[in-house]
Amino acid sequence: MKSSFDATPSPLAQGQQTYEPPPSPQQQRAIIALTVTGLATLTLWLVLSRQRLVDFFYPPEPVIHFNLDINSAPPSELSLLPGIGPAMASRIIETRQQRGPFKSVDDIISVPGIGEVTLQDMRPYIRTIRDHHTEK
């Protein structure tokens, strides 16, 4: 059993371990300045990019932006418009064939079953190209 007063020297006293002094005050200030600068940069980046971050659990709904020429679009594309199904798309084509191309977006009201509310829902997604050749 060894006593606490044994005369065996410690590894440091034997020269097996080396001792490094702490950083100088100038080095300590430099380390603190770099740490504070890094934290400030990270905080600024998080604040400025917060609008672009996406919540992992509640991602935004995918939105497709498109603009459709109502004078040349086929029924499959017309049925993508809000409030327009396959039957209404067929009516738009029939009206277009009977009366000719739509001169403005507002002319689509001449299609039976399309009113002001449906027109307002569709307006951001439709346009007319006047010089476009359509089927007659």
N, C-alpha and C. Protein backbone atom coordinates (compact mmCIF):
# COMPACT_ATOMS: atom_id res chain seq x y z
N MET A 1 0.83 -1.16 0.00
CA MET A 1 0.00 0.00 0.00
C MET A 1 0.89 1.23 0.00
N LYS A 2 0.59 2.15 -0.89
CA LYS A 2 1.39 3.35 -1.00
C LYS A 2 0.80 4.44 -0.13
N SER A 3 1.64 5.22 0.39
CA SER A 3 1.15 6.37 1.15
C SER A 3 1.13 7.58 0.24
N SER A 4 0.42 8.58 0.66
CA SER A 4 0.33 9.79 -0.14
C SER A 4 1.62 10.58 -0.13
N PHE A 5 2.56 10.16 0.70
CA PHE A 5 3.82 10.90 0.80
C PHE A 5 4.96 10.15 0.12
N ASP A 6 4.64 9.27 -0.83
CA ASP A 6 5.69 8.55 -1.54
C ASP A 6 6.59 9.55 -2.26
N ALA A 7 7.78 9.18 -2.44
CA ALA A 7 8.77 10.07 -3.04
C ALA A 7 8.88 9.89 -4.54
N THR A 8 7.97 9.14 -5.17
CA THR A 8 8.05 8.99 -6.61
C THR A 8 7.67 10.30 -7.28
N PRO A 9 8.51 10.75 -8.17
CA PRO A 9 8.22 12.02 -8.84
C PRO A 9 7.06 11.88 -9.83
N SER A 10 6.34 12.95 -10.06
CA SER A 10 5.22 12.97 -11.01
C SER A 10 5.76 12.92 -12.44
N PRO A 11 4.88 12.56 -13.41
CA PRO A 11 5.34 12.52 -14.80
C PRO A 11 5.83 13.89 -15.28
N LEU A 12 5.24 14.96 -14.75
CA LEU A 12 5.66 16.30 -15.16
C LEU A 12 7.07 16.58 -14.64
N ALA A 13 7.33 16.15 -13.41
CA ALA A 13 8.65 16.37 -12.83
C ALA A 13 9.70 15.50 -13.51
N GLN A 14 9.29 14.36 -14.03
CA GLN A 14 10.23 13.48 -14.72
C GLN A 14 10.52 13.95 -16.14
N GLY A 15 9.76 14.94 -16.62
CA GLY A 15 9.99 15.45 -17.97
C GLY A 15 9.26 14.68 -19.05
N GLN A 16 8.32 13.79 -18.65
CA GLN A 16 7.58 13.01 -19.63
C GLN A 16 6.44 13.81 -20.24
N GLN A 17 5.89 14.76 -19.53
CA GLN A 17 4.82 15.60 -20.04
C GLN A 17 5.35 17.01 -20.18
N THR A 18 4.82 17.68 -21.17
CA THR A 18 5.25 19.06 -21.37
C THR A 18 4.16 19.99 -20.88
N TYR A 19 4.55 21.15 -20.52
CA TYR A 19 3.62 22.16 -20.02
C TYR A 19 3.60 23.31 -21.01
N GLU A 20 2.38 23.66 -21.48
CA GLU A 20 2.24 24.80 -22.37
C GLU A 20 1.60 25.93 -21.59
N PRO A 21 2.20 27.07 -21.62
CA PRO A 21 1.60 28.20 -20.90
C PRO A 21 0.31 28.64 -21.60
N PRO A 22 -0.60 29.26 -20.87
CA PRO A 22 -1.85 29.74 -21.50
C PRO A 22 -1.52 30.83 -22.51
N PRO A 23 -2.49 31.09 -23.44
CA PRO A 23 -2.24 32.15 -24.42
C PRO A 23 -2.01 33.49 -23.73
N SER A 24 -1.23 34.31 -24.38
CA SER A 24 -0.95 35.63 -23.83
C SER A 24 -2.23 36.47 -23.86
N PRO A 25 -2.27 37.56 -23.12
CA PRO A 25 -3.47 38.41 -23.14
C PRO A 25 -3.83 38.90 -24.54
N GLN A 26 -2.83 39.16 -25.37
CA GLN A 26 -3.10 39.60 -26.75
C GLN A 26 -3.76 38.47 -27.55
N GLN A 27 -3.26 37.26 -27.37
CA GLN A 27 -3.85 36.12 -28.07
C GLN A 27 -5.27 35.84 -27.57
N GLN A 28 -5.48 36.00 -26.27
CA GLN A 28 -6.82 35.81 -25.72
C GLN A 28 -7.80 36.83 -26.30
N ARG A 29 -7.39 38.09 -26.41
CA ARG A 29 -8.26 39.11 -27.00
C ARG A 29 -8.55 38.81 -28.47
N ALA A 30 -7.54 38.32 -29.19
CA ALA A 30 -7.75 37.97 -30.60
C ALA A 30 -8.74 36.81 -30.73
N ILE A 31 -8.62 35.81 -29.87
CA ILE A 31 -9.55 34.67 -29.91
C ILE A 31 -10.97 35.14 -29.59
N ILE A 32 -11.11 36.00 -28.59
CA ILE A 32 -12.43 36.52 -28.23
C ILE A 32 -13.01 37.34 -29.37
N ALA A 33 -12.16 38.19 -29.99
CA ALA A 33 -12.64 39.02 -31.10
C ALA A 33 -13.09 38.16 -32.27
N LEU A 34 -12.35 37.12 -32.59
CA LEU A 34 -12.75 36.22 -33.69
C LEU A 34 -14.04 35.48 -33.36
N THR A 35 -14.18 35.05 -32.12
CA THR A 35 -15.40 34.34 -31.72
C THR A 35 -16.61 35.26 -31.79
N VAL A 36 -16.48 36.48 -31.28
CA VAL A 36 -17.60 37.44 -31.31
C VAL A 36 -17.94 37.79 -32.75
N THR A 37 -16.92 38.01 -33.59
CA THR A 37 -17.16 38.32 -35.00
C THR A 37 -17.88 37.17 -35.70
N GLY A 38 -17.47 35.95 -35.43
CA GLY A 38 -18.13 34.79 -36.03
C GLY A 38 -19.57 34.66 -35.58
N LEU A 39 -19.82 34.85 -34.30
CA LEU A 39 -21.20 34.77 -33.80
C LEU A 39 -22.07 35.89 -34.37
N ALA A 40 -21.51 37.09 -34.47
CA ALA A 40 -22.27 38.21 -35.05
C ALA A 40 -22.59 37.94 -36.51
N THR A 41 -21.62 37.41 -37.25
CA THR A 41 -21.85 37.07 -38.66
C THR A 41 -22.91 35.99 -38.80
N LEU A 42 -22.85 34.97 -37.99
CA LEU A 42 -23.84 33.90 -38.03
C LEU A 42 -25.22 34.42 -37.68
N THR A 43 -25.32 35.27 -36.66
CA THR A 43 -26.61 35.84 -36.28
C THR A 43 -27.18 36.71 -37.39
N LEU A 44 -26.34 37.54 -38.00
CA LEU A 44 -26.78 38.39 -39.10
C LEU A 44 -27.26 37.55 -40.28
N TRP A 45 -26.52 36.50 -40.59
CA TRP A 45 -26.93 35.63 -41.70
C TRP A 45 -28.28 34.97 -41.41
N LEU A 46 -28.47 34.49 -40.20
CA LEU A 46 -29.74 33.85 -39.84
C LEU A 46 -30.90 34.83 -39.92
N VAL A 47 -30.69 36.06 -39.47
CA VAL A 47 -31.76 37.06 -39.50
C VAL A 47 -32.10 37.43 -40.93
N LEU A 48 -31.08 37.65 -41.76
CA LEU A 48 -31.35 38.08 -43.14
C LEU A 48 -31.88 36.96 -44.02
N SER A 49 -31.51 35.74 -43.75
CA SER A 49 -31.97 34.63 -44.60
C SER A 49 -33.19 33.94 -44.02
N ARG A 50 -33.75 34.45 -42.97
CA ARG A 50 -34.90 33.81 -42.32
C ARG A 50 -36.08 33.68 -43.26
N GLN A 51 -36.27 34.62 -44.17
CA GLN A 51 -37.40 34.57 -45.09
C GLN A 51 -37.26 33.42 -46.08
N ARG A 52 -36.04 33.00 -46.35
CA ARG A 52 -35.83 31.94 -47.33
C ARG A 52 -35.78 30.56 -46.70
N LEU A 53 -35.80 30.48 -45.37
CA LEU A 53 -35.76 29.18 -44.73
C LEU A 53 -37.11 28.47 -44.88
N VAL A 54 -37.08 27.17 -45.03
CA VAL A 54 -38.30 26.39 -45.20
C VAL A 54 -38.47 25.51 -43.97
N ASP A 55 -39.66 25.54 -43.42
CA ASP A 55 -39.95 24.70 -42.27
C ASP A 55 -39.99 23.25 -42.74
N PHE A 56 -39.21 22.41 -42.10
CA PHE A 56 -39.09 21.02 -42.50
C PHE A 56 -40.41 20.27 -42.35
N PHE A 57 -41.16 20.57 -41.29
CA PHE A 57 -42.39 19.84 -41.02
C PHE A 57 -43.59 20.39 -41.80
N TYR A 58 -43.57 21.66 -42.18
CA TYR A 58 -44.68 22.28 -42.91
C TYR A 58 -44.13 23.01 -44.14
N PRO A 59 -43.68 22.27 -45.15
CA PRO A 59 -43.15 22.94 -46.34
C PRO A 59 -44.27 23.66 -47.08
N PRO A 60 -43.93 24.69 -47.85
CA PRO A 60 -44.96 25.40 -48.59
C PRO A 60 -45.53 24.52 -49.70
N GLU A 61 -46.77 24.82 -50.07
CA GLU A 61 -47.39 24.06 -51.15
C GLU A 61 -46.70 24.41 -52.46
N PRO A 62 -46.47 23.41 -53.31
CA PRO A 62 -45.86 23.73 -54.59
C PRO A 62 -46.85 24.53 -55.45
N VAL A 63 -46.36 25.61 -56.02
CA VAL A 63 -47.19 26.47 -56.85
C VAL A 63 -46.59 26.50 -58.25
N ILE A 64 -47.43 26.27 -59.22
CA ILE A 64 -46.99 26.30 -60.61
C ILE A 64 -47.57 27.56 -61.24
N HIS A 65 -46.69 28.39 -61.77
CA HIS A 65 -47.14 29.60 -62.45
C HIS A 65 -47.09 29.34 -63.96
N PHE A 66 -48.20 29.59 -64.62
CA PHE A 66 -48.22 29.41 -66.07
C PHE A 66 -49.13 30.46 -66.66
N ASN A 67 -48.97 30.69 -67.94
CA ASN A 67 -49.79 31.64 -68.66
C ASN A 67 -50.23 30.94 -69.94
N LEU A 68 -51.51 30.84 -70.14
CA LEU A 68 -52.08 30.02 -71.20
C LEU A 68 -52.76 30.89 -72.24
N ASP A 69 -52.48 30.63 -73.51
CA ASP A 69 -53.16 31.34 -74.59
C ASP A 69 -54.50 30.66 -74.83
N ILE A 70 -55.60 31.35 -74.53
CA ILE A 70 -56.91 30.72 -74.64
C ILE A 70 -57.35 30.55 -76.09
N ASN A 71 -56.62 31.14 -77.04
CA ASN A 71 -56.96 30.98 -78.45
C ASN A 71 -56.31 29.76 -79.09
N SER A 72 -55.36 29.15 -78.42
CA SER A 72 -54.71 27.99 -79.03
C SER A 72 -54.57 26.80 -78.08
N ALA A 73 -54.94 26.96 -76.84
CA ALA A 73 -54.74 25.88 -75.86
C ALA A 73 -55.69 24.71 -76.12
N PRO A 74 -55.18 23.49 -76.02
CA PRO A 74 -56.04 22.31 -76.17
C PRO A 74 -56.84 22.08 -74.89
N PRO A 75 -57.86 21.23 -74.95
CA PRO A 75 -58.69 20.97 -73.76
C PRO A 75 -57.90 20.48 -72.55
N SER A 76 -56.85 19.70 -72.76
CA SER A 76 -56.07 19.19 -71.63
C SER A 76 -55.41 20.33 -70.85
N GLU A 77 -54.99 21.39 -71.55
CA GLU A 77 -54.38 22.53 -70.87
C GLU A 77 -55.44 23.45 -70.28
N LEU A 78 -56.55 23.64 -70.98
CA LEU A 78 -57.62 24.50 -70.47
C LEU A 78 -58.20 23.95 -69.17
N SER A 79 -58.23 22.62 -69.06
CA SER A 79 -58.80 22.02 -67.84
C SER A 79 -57.91 22.21 -66.62
N LEU A 80 -56.68 22.71 -66.80
CA LEU A 80 -55.80 23.02 -65.68
C LEU A 80 -56.17 24.35 -65.01
N LEU A 81 -56.95 25.16 -65.69
CA LEU A 81 -57.33 26.46 -65.14
C LEU A 81 -58.27 26.29 -63.96
N PRO A 82 -58.20 27.19 -62.97
CA PRO A 82 -59.10 27.08 -61.81
C PRO A 82 -60.56 27.23 -62.23
N GLY A 83 -61.38 26.32 -61.79
CA GLY A 83 -62.81 26.37 -62.09
C GLY A 83 -63.19 25.79 -63.44
N ILE A 84 -62.22 25.26 -64.16
CA ILE A 84 -62.48 24.71 -65.50
C ILE A 84 -62.18 23.21 -65.46
N GLY A 85 -63.16 22.45 -65.82
CA GLY A 85 -62.98 21.01 -65.93
C GLY A 85 -62.99 20.60 -67.40
N PRO A 86 -62.99 19.32 -67.68
CA PRO A 86 -62.99 18.86 -69.07
C PRO A 86 -64.21 19.33 -69.86
N ALA A 87 -65.38 19.34 -69.24
CA ALA A 87 -66.60 19.76 -69.96
C ALA A 87 -66.52 21.24 -70.30
N MET A 88 -66.09 22.07 -69.35
CA MET A 88 -65.99 23.51 -69.60
C MET A 88 -64.90 23.79 -70.63
N ALA A 89 -63.81 23.03 -70.61
CA ALA A 89 -62.75 23.19 -71.61
C ALA A 89 -63.29 22.91 -73.01
N SER A 90 -64.16 21.89 -73.12
CA SER A 90 -64.77 21.60 -74.43
C SER A 90 -65.67 22.74 -74.88
N ARG A 91 -66.40 23.36 -73.94
CA ARG A 91 -67.25 24.51 -74.29
C ARG A 91 -66.43 25.71 -74.75
N ILE A 92 -65.27 25.90 -74.12
CA ILE A 92 -64.40 27.01 -74.55
C ILE A 92 -63.94 26.77 -75.98
N ILE A 93 -63.57 25.54 -76.30
CA ILE A 93 -63.12 25.21 -77.66
C ILE A 93 -64.26 25.39 -78.65
N GLU A 94 -65.47 24.93 -78.29
CA GLU A 94 -66.62 25.09 -79.18
C GLU A 94 -66.91 26.56 -79.44
N THR A 95 -66.90 27.37 -78.40
CA THR A 95 -67.15 28.81 -78.56
C THR A 95 -66.06 29.43 -79.42
N ARG A 96 -64.85 29.03 -79.24
CA ARG A 96 -63.73 29.55 -80.02
C ARG A 96 -63.88 29.17 -81.50
N GLN A 97 -64.36 27.96 -81.76
CA GLN A 97 -64.53 27.53 -83.15
C GLN A 97 -65.71 28.24 -83.81
N GLN A 98 -66.79 28.48 -83.05
CA GLN A 98 -67.98 29.12 -83.61
C GLN A 98 -67.79 30.62 -83.82
N ARG A 99 -67.20 31.31 -82.87
CA ARG A 99 -67.11 32.77 -82.91
C ARG A 99 -65.76 33.30 -83.33
N GLY A 100 -64.77 32.45 -83.46
CA GLY A 100 -63.42 32.90 -83.79
C GLY A 100 -62.61 33.12 -82.53
N PRO A 101 -61.37 33.56 -82.70
CA PRO A 101 -60.51 33.73 -81.54
C PRO A 101 -61.01 34.82 -80.60
N PHE A 102 -60.70 34.65 -79.32
CA PHE A 102 -61.05 35.67 -78.33
C PHE A 102 -60.14 36.87 -78.54
N LYS A 103 -60.74 38.05 -78.57
CA LYS A 103 -59.95 39.25 -78.78
C LYS A 103 -59.31 39.77 -77.48
N SER A 104 -59.93 39.46 -76.36
CA SER A 104 -59.38 39.83 -75.06
C SER A 104 -59.74 38.75 -74.06
N VAL A 105 -59.14 38.83 -72.91
CA VAL A 105 -59.41 37.86 -71.85
C VAL A 105 -60.87 37.96 -71.41
N ASP A 106 -61.42 39.16 -71.42
CA ASP A 106 -62.81 39.36 -70.98
C ASP A 106 -63.82 38.68 -71.91
N ASP A 107 -63.45 38.40 -73.14
CA ASP A 107 -64.37 37.76 -74.09
C ASP A 107 -64.71 36.33 -73.70
N ILE A 108 -63.97 35.75 -72.80
CA ILE A 108 -64.24 34.35 -72.42
C ILE A 108 -65.56 34.23 -71.65
N ILE A 109 -66.11 35.37 -71.23
CA ILE A 109 -67.41 35.34 -70.55
C ILE A 109 -68.51 34.89 -71.51
N SER A 110 -68.25 34.99 -72.81
CA SER A 110 -69.26 34.55 -73.78
C SER A 110 -69.43 33.03 -73.78
N VAL A 111 -68.56 32.31 -73.13
CA VAL A 111 -68.68 30.85 -73.02
C VAL A 111 -69.74 30.54 -71.98
N PRO A 112 -70.75 29.72 -72.32
CA PRO A 112 -71.78 29.38 -71.35
C PRO A 112 -71.19 28.69 -70.12
N GLY A 113 -71.54 29.19 -68.95
CA GLY A 113 -71.06 28.61 -67.70
C GLY A 113 -69.90 29.36 -67.07
N ILE A 114 -69.32 30.32 -67.80
CA ILE A 114 -68.23 31.12 -67.24
C ILE A 114 -68.78 32.50 -66.89
N GLY A 115 -68.67 32.84 -65.63
CA GLY A 115 -69.14 34.14 -65.16
C GLY A 115 -67.98 34.98 -64.65
N GLU A 116 -68.33 36.06 -63.98
CA GLU A 116 -67.32 36.99 -63.47
C GLU A 116 -66.39 36.34 -62.44
N VAL A 117 -66.96 35.51 -61.57
CA VAL A 117 -66.15 34.88 -60.53
C VAL A 117 -65.12 33.94 -61.14
N THR A 118 -65.56 33.11 -62.08
CA THR A 118 -64.64 32.17 -62.74
C THR A 118 -63.59 32.94 -63.53
N LEU A 119 -64.01 34.03 -64.20
CA LEU A 119 -63.07 34.85 -64.95
C LEU A 119 -61.99 35.43 -64.03
N GLN A 120 -62.39 35.93 -62.87
CA GLN A 120 -61.42 36.50 -61.93
C GLN A 120 -60.46 35.43 -61.41
N ASP A 121 -60.95 34.20 -61.22
CA ASP A 121 -60.07 33.12 -60.78
C ASP A 121 -59.07 32.73 -61.87
N MET A 122 -59.51 32.79 -63.14
CA MET A 122 -58.67 32.38 -64.26
C MET A 122 -57.75 33.50 -64.75
N ARG A 123 -58.11 34.74 -64.53
CA ARG A 123 -57.42 35.88 -65.14
C ARG A 123 -55.89 35.84 -65.00
N PRO A 124 -55.32 35.49 -63.83
CA PRO A 124 -53.85 35.50 -63.75
C PRO A 124 -53.17 34.44 -64.63
N TYR A 125 -53.95 33.49 -65.12
CA TYR A 125 -53.35 32.37 -65.84
C TYR A 125 -53.62 32.38 -67.34
N ILE A 126 -54.40 33.32 -67.84
CA ILE A 126 -54.75 33.30 -69.26
C ILE A 126 -54.34 34.59 -69.95
N ARG A 127 -54.18 34.47 -71.26
CA ARG A 127 -53.88 35.62 -72.11
C ARG A 127 -54.40 35.31 -73.50
N THR A 128 -54.37 36.30 -74.37
CA THR A 128 -54.77 36.09 -75.75
C THR A 128 -53.63 36.54 -76.65
N ILE A 129 -53.43 35.78 -77.70
CA ILE A 129 -52.49 36.18 -78.74
C ILE A 129 -53.34 36.40 -79.98
N ARG A 130 -53.48 37.64 -80.40
CA ARG A 130 -54.42 37.98 -81.47
C ARG A 130 -54.01 37.47 -82.82
N ASP A 131 -52.72 37.47 -83.14
CA ASP A 131 -52.27 37.07 -84.47
C ASP A 131 -52.02 35.58 -84.57
N HIS A 132 -52.49 34.84 -83.61
CA HIS A 132 -52.25 33.41 -83.57
C HIS A 132 -53.31 32.71 -84.41
N HIS A 133 -52.88 31.75 -85.22
CA HIS A 133 -53.84 30.99 -86.03
C HIS A 133 -54.47 29.90 -85.19
N THR A 134 -55.78 29.85 -85.19
CA THR A 134 -56.47 28.82 -84.41
C THR A 134 -57.28 27.95 -85.36
N GLU A 135 -57.73 26.80 -84.86
CA GLU A 135 -58.55 25.93 -85.67
C GLU A 135 -59.92 26.57 -85.84
N LYS A 136 -60.51 26.42 -87.00
CA LYS A 136 -61.81 27.03 -87.26
C LYS A 136 -62.82 26.01 -87.66
